[in-house]
């Protein structure tokens, strides 16, 4: 009943694999068998404290970034109104969502809106850019790893799936995900289970996956760069974010909002002249809102 769930460490003198798995599936942080030394228990508690701190930091950063970038999807065009309505409907479900749109259209903002309007808004929102992590490290980043699992793994590390427990994991640049990781992601989506790199333990997590791409994933499937079964599994619901050139009536409101956000607190408010607004709305904006900013 507490707003923040306490972490549970199970201790037993009659440990079995079955009981350990059952405890972990029901939300235990870890499972310790008797006898154990004070040093071992101190290490467990330190790890639990670090885990709790990581969750709090992620929650703070999730909400803090909303304040920085603006928490609402701005605009009154028909395309944006329809997108907002769809977000509100989809957010209440547990469906996996694929957000598709050109670079700079605000796909992450859509993902955050899904998160804020969902029953998972009390839990972390964590982002993973699939294009920014080396192929040999992405599975470890995603699922975590055990000590000694590979060269340089001096200690066990929790993955983003575990850190996002109960919340949402946003996979940006999904089309860049390496093929081996696509297999692991499909397994997680189908069964809700995973294995940290170098571990024989199968763990479970309750995490909603939201993916985003500026690629045509259907073409990527045809070209053999993306798994067809994963495409249909993650494409339960697709949200298309329109490019700025298809919603030019929203440009004045977006431009004024950006201008206000960029203004130092010590300077007077500035506005755009009618001539400037005509120039802005006449341009095609290949870089979309990012270029407008």
C-alpha atoms as a PDB file:
ATOM      1  CA  UNK A   1       0.000   0.000   0.000  1.00  0.00           C
ATOM      2  CA  UNK A   2       3.029   2.286   0.225  1.00  0.00           C
ATOM      3  CA  UNK A   3       3.494   4.778  -2.638  1.00  0.00           C
ATOM      4  CA  UNK A   4       6.952   3.304  -3.207  1.00  0.00           C
ATOM      5  CA  UNK A   5       7.183  -0.455  -2.933  1.00  0.00           C
ATOM      6  CA  UNK A   6       9.918  -1.709  -0.596  1.00  0.00           C
ATOM      7  CA  UNK A   7      12.499  -4.100  -2.025  1.00  0.00           C
ATOM      8  CA  UNK A   8      12.140  -7.662  -0.730  1.00  0.00           C
ATOM      9  CA  UNK A   9      15.124  -9.895   0.075  1.00  0.00           C
ATOM     10  CA  UNK A  10      14.044 -13.490   0.669  1.00  0.00           C
ATOM     11  CA  UNK A  11      16.130 -15.618   3.066  1.00  0.00           C
ATOM     12  CA  UNK A  12      15.740 -19.362   3.490  1.00  0.00           C
ATOM     13  CA  UNK A  13      17.573 -22.294   5.029  1.00  0.00           C
ATOM     14  CA  UNK A  14      15.615 -24.688   2.795  1.00  0.00           C
ATOM     15  CA  UNK A  15      16.277 -23.129  -0.599  1.00  0.00           C
ATOM     16  CA  UNK A  16      15.151 -24.836  -3.783  1.00  0.00           C
ATOM     17  CA  UNK A  17      15.307 -23.649  -7.369  1.00  0.00           C
ATOM     18  CA  UNK A  18      11.507 -23.740  -7.525  1.00  0.00           C
ATOM     19  CA  UNK A  19      11.048 -21.536  -4.450  1.00  0.00           C
ATOM     20  CA  UNK A  20      13.711 -19.091  -5.637  1.00  0.00           C
ATOM     21  CA  UNK A  21      12.082 -18.750  -9.067  1.00  0.00           C
ATOM     22  CA  UNK A  22       8.655 -18.328  -7.460  1.00  0.00           C
ATOM     23  CA  UNK A  23       9.923 -15.565  -5.170  1.00  0.00           C
ATOM     24  CA  UNK A  24      11.644 -13.712  -8.016  1.00  0.00           C
ATOM     25  CA  UNK A  25       8.536 -13.993 -10.209  1.00  0.00           C
ATOM     26  CA  UNK A  26       6.492 -12.449  -7.395  1.00  0.00           C
ATOM     27  CA  UNK A  27       8.761  -9.436  -7.155  1.00  0.00           C
ATOM     28  CA  UNK A  28      11.570 -10.332  -4.750  1.00  0.00           C
ATOM     29  CA  UNK A  29      14.738  -8.330  -5.376  1.00  0.00           C
ATOM     30  CA  UNK A  30      16.980 -11.305  -4.611  1.00  0.00           C
ATOM     31  CA  UNK A  31      17.073 -14.644  -2.795  1.00  0.00           C
ATOM     32  CA  UNK A  32      19.685 -15.493  -0.151  1.00  0.00           C
ATOM     33  CA  UNK A  33      20.363 -18.958   1.278  1.00  0.00           C
ATOM     34  CA  UNK A  34      21.537 -19.709   4.821  1.00  0.00           C
ATOM     35  CA  UNK A  35      24.154 -19.646   6.155  1.00  0.00           C
ATOM     36  CA  UNK A  36      25.481 -16.261   5.074  1.00  0.00           C
ATOM     37  CA  UNK A  37      28.090 -13.922   6.511  1.00  0.00           C
ATOM     38  CA  UNK A  38      27.476 -10.325   7.633  1.00  0.00           C
ATOM     39  CA  UNK A  39      29.677  -9.196   4.733  1.00  0.00           C
ATOM     40  CA  UNK A  40      27.489 -11.071   2.236  1.00  0.00           C
ATOM     41  CA  UNK A  41      24.337  -9.493   3.652  1.00  0.00           C
ATOM     42  CA  UNK A  42      25.969  -6.049   3.637  1.00  0.00           C
ATOM     43  CA  UNK A  43      26.752  -6.525  -0.058  1.00  0.00           C
ATOM     44  CA  UNK A  44      23.130  -7.520  -0.775  1.00  0.00           C
ATOM     45  CA  UNK A  45      21.775  -4.462   1.050  1.00  0.00           C
ATOM     46  CA  UNK A  46      24.232  -2.160  -0.728  1.00  0.00           C
ATOM     47  CA  UNK A  47      23.122  -3.565  -4.085  1.00  0.00           C
ATOM     48  CA  UNK A  48      19.465  -3.093  -3.095  1.00  0.00           C
ATOM     49  CA  UNK A  49      20.132   0.496  -2.055  1.00  0.00           C
ATOM     50  CA  UNK A  50      21.870   1.235  -5.381  1.00  0.00           C
ATOM     51  CA  UNK A  51      18.953  -0.343  -7.253  1.00  0.00           C
ATOM     52  CA  UNK A  52      16.405   1.797  -5.375  1.00  0.00           C
ATOM     53  CA  UNK A  53      18.492   4.910  -5.992  1.00  0.00           C
ATOM     54  CA  UNK A  54      18.705   4.133  -9.715  1.00  0.00           C
ATOM     55  CA  UNK A  55      14.915   3.869  -9.937  1.00  0.00           C
ATOM     56  CA  UNK A  56      14.460   7.207  -8.154  1.00  0.00           C
ATOM     57  CA  UNK A  57      16.995   8.921 -10.415  1.00  0.00           C
ATOM     58  CA  UNK A  58      15.305   7.518 -13.510  1.00  0.00           C
ATOM     59  CA  UNK A  59      11.898   8.721 -12.305  1.00  0.00           C
ATOM     60  CA  UNK A  60      13.309  12.169 -11.566  1.00  0.00           C
ATOM     61  CA  UNK A  61      14.984  12.389 -14.967  1.00  0.00           C
ATOM     62  CA  UNK A  62      11.833  11.143 -16.700  1.00  0.00           C
ATOM     63  CA  UNK A  63       9.674  13.901 -15.241  1.00  0.00           C
ATOM     64  CA  UNK A  64      12.467  16.478 -15.244  1.00  0.00           C
ATOM     65  CA  UNK A  65      12.927  16.187 -19.009  1.00  0.00           C
ATOM     66  CA  UNK A  66       9.226  16.823 -19.514  1.00  0.00           C
ATOM     67  CA  UNK A  67       9.630  20.173 -17.774  1.00  0.00           C
ATOM     68  CA  UNK A  68      12.598  21.000 -19.962  1.00  0.00           C
ATOM     69  CA  UNK A  69      11.069  20.096 -23.316  1.00  0.00           C
ATOM     70  CA  UNK A  70       7.399  20.831 -22.627  1.00  0.00           C
ATOM     71  CA  UNK A  71       5.066  18.088 -21.506  1.00  0.00           C
ATOM     72  CA  UNK A  72       2.401  18.563 -24.162  1.00  0.00           C
ATOM     73  CA  UNK A  73       2.309  17.879 -27.873  1.00  0.00           C
ATOM     74  CA  UNK A  74       1.670  21.362 -29.239  1.00  0.00           C
ATOM     75  CA  UNK A  75      -0.592  22.175 -32.162  1.00  0.00           C
ATOM     76  CA  UNK A  76      -4.244  22.369 -33.131  1.00  0.00           C
ATOM     77  CA  UNK A  77      -4.097  20.839 -36.615  1.00  0.00           C
ATOM     78  CA  UNK A  78      -6.435  17.971 -37.347  1.00  0.00           C
ATOM     79  CA  UNK A  79      -3.512  15.521 -37.603  1.00  0.00           C
ATOM     80  CA  UNK A  80      -2.251  16.447 -34.132  1.00  0.00           C
ATOM     81  CA  UNK A  81      -5.728  16.379 -32.567  1.00  0.00           C
ATOM     82  CA  UNK A  82      -6.237  12.871 -33.967  1.00  0.00           C
ATOM     83  CA  UNK A  83      -2.801  11.810 -32.684  1.00  0.00           C
ATOM     84  CA  UNK A  84      -3.600  13.122 -29.182  1.00  0.00           C
ATOM     85  CA  UNK A  85      -6.918  11.247 -29.129  1.00  0.00           C
ATOM     86  CA  UNK A  86      -5.209   8.029 -30.221  1.00  0.00           C
ATOM     87  CA  UNK A  87      -2.498   8.420 -27.583  1.00  0.00           C
ATOM     88  CA  UNK A  88      -5.126   8.757 -24.835  1.00  0.00           C
ATOM     89  CA  UNK A  89      -6.904   5.586 -26.010  1.00  0.00           C
ATOM     90  CA  UNK A  90      -3.778   3.494 -26.495  1.00  0.00           C
ATOM     91  CA  UNK A  91      -2.083   4.677 -23.280  1.00  0.00           C
ATOM     92  CA  UNK A  92      -4.656   2.924 -21.093  1.00  0.00           C
ATOM     93  CA  UNK A  93      -3.916  -0.453 -22.694  1.00  0.00           C
ATOM     94  CA  UNK A  94      -0.880  -2.681 -22.229  1.00  0.00           C
ATOM     95  CA  UNK A  95      -0.290  -2.937 -25.992  1.00  0.00           C
ATOM     96  CA  UNK A  96       3.190  -2.660 -27.449  1.00  0.00           C
ATOM     97  CA  UNK A  97       3.401   0.484 -29.558  1.00  0.00           C
ATOM     98  CA  UNK A  98       5.461   1.413 -32.611  1.00  0.00           C
ATOM     99  CA  UNK A  99       5.878   5.152 -33.240  1.00  0.00           C
ATOM    100  CA  UNK A 100       6.856   5.976 -36.792  1.00  0.00           C
ATOM    101  CA  UNK A 101       7.861   9.360 -38.153  1.00  0.00           C
ATOM    102  CA  UNK A 102      10.615  11.346 -39.775  1.00  0.00           C
ATOM    103  CA  UNK A 103      13.628  12.506 -37.804  1.00  0.00           C
ATOM    104  CA  UNK A 104      12.838  15.508 -35.616  1.00  0.00           C
ATOM    105  CA  UNK A 105       9.047  15.098 -35.544  1.00  0.00           C
ATOM    106  CA  UNK A 106       8.842  14.473 -31.783  1.00  0.00           C
ATOM    107  CA  UNK A 107       8.553  10.687 -31.483  1.00  0.00           C
ATOM    108  CA  UNK A 108      10.034  10.690 -27.978  1.00  0.00           C
ATOM    109  CA  UNK A 109       7.472  13.301 -26.917  1.00  0.00           C
ATOM    110  CA  UNK A 110       4.730  10.933 -28.130  1.00  0.00           C
ATOM    111  CA  UNK A 111       6.304   8.065 -26.160  1.00  0.00           C
ATOM    112  CA  UNK A 112       6.389  10.217 -23.007  1.00  0.00           C
ATOM    113  CA  UNK A 113       2.749  11.204 -23.534  1.00  0.00           C
ATOM    114  CA  UNK A 114       1.827   7.498 -23.749  1.00  0.00           C
ATOM    115  CA  UNK A 115       3.727   6.924 -20.502  1.00  0.00           C
ATOM    116  CA  UNK A 116       2.153   9.880 -18.648  1.00  0.00           C
ATOM    117  CA  UNK A 117      -1.399   8.843 -19.545  1.00  0.00           C
ATOM    118  CA  UNK A 118      -0.843   5.167 -18.727  1.00  0.00           C
ATOM    119  CA  UNK A 119      -1.368   3.238 -15.464  1.00  0.00           C
ATOM    120  CA  UNK A 120       2.446   2.920 -15.405  1.00  0.00           C
ATOM    121  CA  UNK A 121       3.070   6.651 -14.882  1.00  0.00           C
ATOM    122  CA  UNK A 122       4.200   6.022 -11.262  1.00  0.00           C
ATOM    123  CA  UNK A 123       7.036   3.755 -12.450  1.00  0.00           C
ATOM    124  CA  UNK A 124      10.192   4.593 -14.460  1.00  0.00           C
ATOM    125  CA  UNK A 125      10.310   5.749 -18.073  1.00  0.00           C
ATOM    126  CA  UNK A 126      13.659   4.656 -19.487  1.00  0.00           C
ATOM    127  CA  UNK A 127      15.064   5.355 -22.933  1.00  0.00           C
ATOM    128  CA  UNK A 128      17.503   3.233 -24.943  1.00  0.00           C
ATOM    129  CA  UNK A 129      18.847   4.518 -28.251  1.00  0.00           C
ATOM    130  CA  UNK A 130      19.504   1.349 -30.245  1.00  0.00           C
ATOM    131  CA  UNK A 131      21.814   3.187 -32.675  1.00  0.00           C
ATOM    132  CA  UNK A 132      24.026   4.699 -29.972  1.00  0.00           C
ATOM    133  CA  UNK A 133      25.264   1.474 -28.338  1.00  0.00           C
ATOM    134  CA  UNK A 134      27.874  -0.861 -29.878  1.00  0.00           C
ATOM    135  CA  UNK A 135      26.412  -4.122 -31.147  1.00  0.00           C
ATOM    136  CA  UNK A 136      28.487  -6.226 -28.734  1.00  0.00           C
ATOM    137  CA  UNK A 137      27.174  -4.298 -25.708  1.00  0.00           C
ATOM    138  CA  UNK A 138      23.487  -3.743 -26.460  1.00  0.00           C
ATOM    139  CA  UNK A 139      22.288  -7.055 -24.963  1.00  0.00           C
ATOM    140  CA  UNK A 140      24.196  -6.350 -21.755  1.00  0.00           C
ATOM    141  CA  UNK A 141      22.733  -2.835 -21.612  1.00  0.00           C
ATOM    142  CA  UNK A 142      19.258  -4.260 -22.173  1.00  0.00           C
ATOM    143  CA  UNK A 143      19.324  -7.353 -19.934  1.00  0.00           C
ATOM    144  CA  UNK A 144      22.314  -6.751 -17.664  1.00  0.00           C
ATOM    145  CA  UNK A 145      25.241  -9.127 -17.164  1.00  0.00           C
ATOM    146  CA  UNK A 146      26.933 -11.291 -14.572  1.00  0.00           C
ATOM    147  CA  UNK A 147      30.430 -10.665 -13.242  1.00  0.00           C
ATOM    148  CA  UNK A 148      32.991 -12.144 -15.639  1.00  0.00           C
ATOM    149  CA  UNK A 149      30.452 -12.592 -18.466  1.00  0.00           C
ATOM    150  CA  UNK A 150      32.893 -10.925 -20.870  1.00  0.00           C
ATOM    151  CA  UNK A 151      36.177  -9.032 -20.837  1.00  0.00           C
ATOM    152  CA  UNK A 152      35.773  -5.935 -18.699  1.00  0.00           C
ATOM    153  CA  UNK A 153      32.737  -7.212 -16.770  1.00  0.00           C
ATOM    154  CA  UNK A 154      34.365  -6.713 -13.366  1.00  0.00           C
ATOM    155  CA  UNK A 155      31.023  -6.717 -11.553  1.00  0.00           C
ATOM    156  CA  UNK A 156      27.438  -7.744 -12.170  1.00  0.00           C
ATOM    157  CA  UNK A 157      25.286  -5.045 -13.727  1.00  0.00           C
ATOM    158  CA  UNK A 158      21.540  -4.585 -13.766  1.00  0.00           C
ATOM    159  CA  UNK A 159      20.014  -4.057 -17.200  1.00  0.00           C
ATOM    160  CA  UNK A 160      17.488  -1.467 -18.298  1.00  0.00           C
ATOM    161  CA  UNK A 161      14.710  -4.082 -18.369  1.00  0.00           C
ATOM    162  CA  UNK A 162      15.088  -4.637 -14.614  1.00  0.00           C
ATOM    163  CA  UNK A 163      15.409  -0.904 -13.971  1.00  0.00           C
ATOM    164  CA  UNK A 164      12.172  -0.267 -15.887  1.00  0.00           C
ATOM    165  CA  UNK A 165      10.179  -2.820 -13.840  1.00  0.00           C
ATOM    166  CA  UNK A 166       6.513  -1.815 -13.778  1.00  0.00           C
ATOM    167  CA  UNK A 167       7.165   1.058 -16.171  1.00  0.00           C
ATOM    168  CA  UNK A 168       7.967   1.761 -19.807  1.00  0.00           C
ATOM    169  CA  UNK A 169      11.108   1.113 -21.862  1.00  0.00           C
ATOM    170  CA  UNK A 170      11.352   3.364 -24.910  1.00  0.00           C
ATOM    171  CA  UNK A 171      13.472   1.890 -27.719  1.00  0.00           C
ATOM    172  CA  UNK A 172      14.498   4.739 -29.993  1.00  0.00           C
ATOM    173  CA  UNK A 173      15.935   4.046 -33.471  1.00  0.00           C
ATOM    174  CA  UNK A 174      14.449   0.541 -33.302  1.00  0.00           C
ATOM    175  CA  UNK A 175      15.296  -0.144 -36.951  1.00  0.00           C
ATOM    176  CA  UNK A 176      19.011  -0.054 -36.027  1.00  0.00           C
ATOM    177  CA  UNK A 177      18.731  -2.942 -33.555  1.00  0.00           C
ATOM    178  CA  UNK A 178      21.213  -5.758 -34.388  1.00  0.00           C
ATOM    179  CA  UNK A 179      19.744  -9.085 -35.544  1.00  0.00           C
ATOM    180  CA  UNK A 180      20.806 -11.157 -32.460  1.00  0.00           C
ATOM    181  CA  UNK A 181      19.198  -8.587 -30.151  1.00  0.00           C
ATOM    182  CA  UNK A 182      16.005  -8.732 -32.225  1.00  0.00           C
ATOM    183  CA  UNK A 183      15.695 -12.449 -31.326  1.00  0.00           C
ATOM    184  CA  UNK A 184      16.129 -11.692 -27.596  1.00  0.00           C
ATOM    185  CA  UNK A 185      13.609  -8.842 -27.726  1.00  0.00           C
ATOM    186  CA  UNK A 186      11.046 -11.072 -29.443  1.00  0.00           C
ATOM    187  CA  UNK A 187      11.435 -13.673 -26.699  1.00  0.00           C
ATOM    188  CA  UNK A 188      10.936 -11.023 -24.031  1.00  0.00           C
ATOM    189  CA  UNK A 189       7.830  -9.639 -25.754  1.00  0.00           C
ATOM    190  CA  UNK A 190       6.333 -13.106 -26.126  1.00  0.00           C
ATOM    191  CA  UNK A 191       7.129 -14.496 -22.671  1.00  0.00           C
ATOM    192  CA  UNK A 192       8.148 -11.558 -20.469  1.00  0.00           C
ATOM    193  CA  UNK A 193      11.360 -13.357 -19.567  1.00  0.00           C
ATOM    194  CA  UNK A 194      15.070 -12.822 -20.173  1.00  0.00           C
ATOM    195  CA  UNK A 195      18.538 -13.896 -19.087  1.00  0.00           C
ATOM    196  CA  UNK A 196      21.345 -11.523 -18.125  1.00  0.00           C
ATOM    197  CA  UNK A 197      24.451 -12.063 -20.241  1.00  0.00           C
ATOM    198  CA  UNK A 198      26.546 -14.859 -18.737  1.00  0.00           C
ATOM    199  CA  UNK A 199      23.736 -16.085 -16.477  1.00  0.00           C
ATOM    200  CA  UNK A 200      21.786 -19.341 -16.432  1.00  0.00           C
ATOM    201  CA  UNK A 201      18.919 -17.719 -14.499  1.00  0.00           C
ATOM    202  CA  UNK A 202      15.697 -16.901 -16.328  1.00  0.00           C
ATOM    203  CA  UNK A 203      14.167 -13.710 -14.930  1.00  0.00           C
ATOM    204  CA  UNK A 204      10.801 -12.101 -15.502  1.00  0.00           C
ATOM    205  CA  UNK A 205       9.900  -8.427 -15.821  1.00  0.00           C
ATOM    206  CA  UNK A 206       6.703  -6.458 -16.260  1.00  0.00           C
ATOM    207  CA  UNK A 207       7.719  -3.732 -18.717  1.00  0.00           C
ATOM    208  CA  UNK A 208       5.832  -2.053 -21.521  1.00  0.00           C
ATOM    209  CA  UNK A 209       7.876  -1.697 -24.701  1.00  0.00           C
ATOM    210  CA  UNK A 210       7.413   1.361 -26.915  1.00  0.00           C
ATOM    211  CA  UNK A 211       9.539   1.517 -30.069  1.00  0.00           C
ATOM    212  CA  UNK A 212      10.237   4.381 -32.442  1.00  0.00           C
ATOM    213  CA  UNK A 213      11.821   4.563 -35.871  1.00  0.00           C
ATOM    214  CA  UNK A 214      12.289   6.986 -38.734  1.00  0.00           C
ATOM    215  CA  UNK A 215      12.645   4.040 -41.116  1.00  0.00           C
ATOM    216  CA  UNK A 216       9.959   2.144 -43.010  1.00  0.00           C
ATOM    217  CA  UNK A 217      10.201  -1.106 -41.044  1.00  0.00           C
ATOM    218  CA  UNK A 218       8.065  -2.948 -43.596  1.00  0.00           C
ATOM    219  CA  UNK A 219      10.744  -2.202 -46.199  1.00  0.00           C
ATOM    220  CA  UNK A 220      13.428  -3.239 -43.713  1.00  0.00           C
ATOM    221  CA  UNK A 221      11.614  -6.581 -43.318  1.00  0.00           C
ATOM    222  CA  UNK A 222      11.505  -7.048 -47.097  1.00  0.00           C
ATOM    223  CA  UNK A 223      15.216  -6.217 -47.304  1.00  0.00           C
ATOM    224  CA  UNK A 224      16.014  -8.740 -44.555  1.00  0.00           C
ATOM    225  CA  UNK A 225      17.313  -6.145 -42.080  1.00  0.00           C
ATOM    226  CA  UNK A 226      14.470  -6.575 -39.578  1.00  0.00           C
ATOM    227  CA  UNK A 227      12.716  -9.740 -38.418  1.00  0.00           C
ATOM    228  CA  UNK A 228       9.198 -10.106 -39.749  1.00  0.00           C
ATOM    229  CA  UNK A 229       7.918 -11.840 -36.596  1.00  0.00           C
ATOM    230  CA  UNK A 230       9.317  -9.049 -34.410  1.00  0.00           C
ATOM    231  CA  UNK A 231       7.807  -6.396 -36.685  1.00  0.00           C
ATOM    232  CA  UNK A 232       4.304  -7.841 -36.311  1.00  0.00           C
ATOM    233  CA  UNK A 233       4.787  -8.400 -32.569  1.00  0.00           C
ATOM    234  CA  UNK A 234       5.925  -4.860 -31.807  1.00  0.00           C
ATOM    235  CA  UNK A 235       3.543  -3.284 -34.298  1.00  0.00           C
ATOM    236  CA  UNK A 236       0.461  -4.093 -32.194  1.00  0.00           C
ATOM    237  CA  UNK A 237      -0.458  -0.420 -32.420  1.00  0.00           C
ATOM    238  CA  UNK A 238       1.246   2.031 -34.786  1.00  0.00           C
ATOM    239  CA  UNK A 239       1.264   5.774 -34.181  1.00  0.00           C
ATOM    240  CA  UNK A 240       2.347   7.925 -37.130  1.00  0.00           C
ATOM    241  CA  UNK A 241       3.762  11.331 -36.235  1.00  0.00           C
ATOM    242  CA  UNK A 242       3.133  13.753 -39.116  1.00  0.00           C
ATOM    243  CA  UNK A 243       6.030  15.822 -40.516  1.00  0.00           C
ATOM    244  CA  UNK A 244       5.930  19.563 -39.948  1.00  0.00           C
ATOM    245  CA  UNK A 245       5.255  20.321 -43.639  1.00  0.00           C
ATOM    246  CA  UNK A 246       1.904  18.508 -43.278  1.00  0.00           C
ATOM    247  CA  UNK A 247       0.869  20.600 -40.271  1.00  0.00           C
ATOM    248  CA  UNK A 248       2.055  24.096 -41.206  1.00  0.00           C
ATOM    249  CA  UNK A 249      -0.845  25.665 -39.288  1.00  0.00           C
ATOM    250  CA  UNK A 250       0.913  24.512 -36.091  1.00  0.00           C
ATOM    251  CA  UNK A 251       4.164  26.322 -36.896  1.00  0.00           C
ATOM    252  CA  UNK A 252       3.239  29.714 -35.308  1.00  0.00           C
ATOM    253  CA  UNK A 253       2.336  28.096 -31.957  1.00  0.00           C
ATOM    254  CA  UNK A 254       5.434  25.871 -32.031  1.00  0.00           C
ATOM    255  CA  UNK A 255       7.720  28.764 -32.962  1.00  0.00           C
ATOM    256  CA  UNK A 256       6.367  31.018 -30.197  1.00  0.00           C
ATOM    257  CA  UNK A 257       6.707  28.206 -27.656  1.00  0.00           C
ATOM    258  CA  UNK A 258      10.314  27.511 -28.682  1.00  0.00           C
ATOM    259  CA  UNK A 259      11.144  31.217 -28.659  1.00  0.00           C
ATOM    260  CA  UNK A 260       9.768  31.545 -25.117  1.00  0.00           C
ATOM    261  CA  UNK A 261      11.623  28.436 -23.935  1.00  0.00           C
ATOM    262  CA  UNK A 262      14.933  29.685 -25.345  1.00  0.00           C
ATOM    263  CA  UNK A 263      14.580  33.186 -23.858  1.00  0.00           C
ATOM    264  CA  UNK A 264      16.866  33.842 -20.875  1.00  0.00           C
ATOM    265  CA  UNK A 265      14.851  34.728 -17.763  1.00  0.00           C
ATOM    266  CA  UNK A 266      16.488  38.153 -17.590  1.00  0.00           C
ATOM    267  CA  UNK A 267      15.443  39.336 -21.056  1.00  0.00           C
ATOM    268  CA  UNK A 268      12.147  40.786 -22.232  1.00  0.00           C
ATOM    269  CA  UNK A 269       9.641  38.611 -24.067  1.00  0.00           C
ATOM    270  CA  UNK A 270      10.081  38.526 -27.819  1.00  0.00           C
ATOM    271  CA  UNK A 271       7.550  37.720 -30.515  1.00  0.00           C
ATOM    272  CA  UNK A 272       7.808  36.861 -34.193  1.00  0.00           C
ATOM    273  CA  UNK A 273       6.728  39.406 -36.767  1.00  0.00           C
ATOM    274  CA  UNK A 274       4.019  38.524 -39.322  1.00  0.00           C
ATOM    275  CA  UNK A 275       6.698  38.522 -42.027  1.00  0.00           C
ATOM    276  CA  UNK A 276       8.844  36.067 -40.019  1.00  0.00           C
ATOM    277  CA  UNK A 277       5.853  33.763 -39.504  1.00  0.00           C
ATOM    278  CA  UNK A 278       5.116  33.831 -43.253  1.00  0.00           C
ATOM    279  CA  UNK A 279       8.708  32.808 -43.928  1.00  0.00           C
ATOM    280  CA  UNK A 280       8.512  29.993 -41.389  1.00  0.00           C
ATOM    281  CA  UNK A 281       5.238  28.572 -42.716  1.00  0.00           C
ATOM    282  CA  UNK A 282       6.425  28.738 -46.327  1.00  0.00           C
ATOM    283  CA  UNK A 283       9.512  26.591 -45.635  1.00  0.00           C
ATOM    284  CA  UNK A 284       9.426  22.780 -46.031  1.00  0.00           C
ATOM    285  CA  UNK A 285      11.336  21.880 -42.795  1.00  0.00           C
ATOM    286  CA  UNK A 286      13.119  18.640 -43.774  1.00  0.00           C
ATOM    287  CA  UNK A 287      14.488  18.499 -40.193  1.00  0.00           C
ATOM    288  CA  UNK A 288      11.000  19.081 -38.745  1.00  0.00           C
ATOM    289  CA  UNK A 289      10.629  20.473 -35.186  1.00  0.00           C
ATOM    290  CA  UNK A 290      14.285  19.863 -34.360  1.00  0.00           C
ATOM    291  CA  UNK A 291      15.292  22.108 -37.273  1.00  0.00           C
ATOM    292  CA  UNK A 292      12.678  24.708 -36.283  1.00  0.00           C
ATOM    293  CA  UNK A 293      14.177  24.870 -32.804  1.00  0.00           C
END
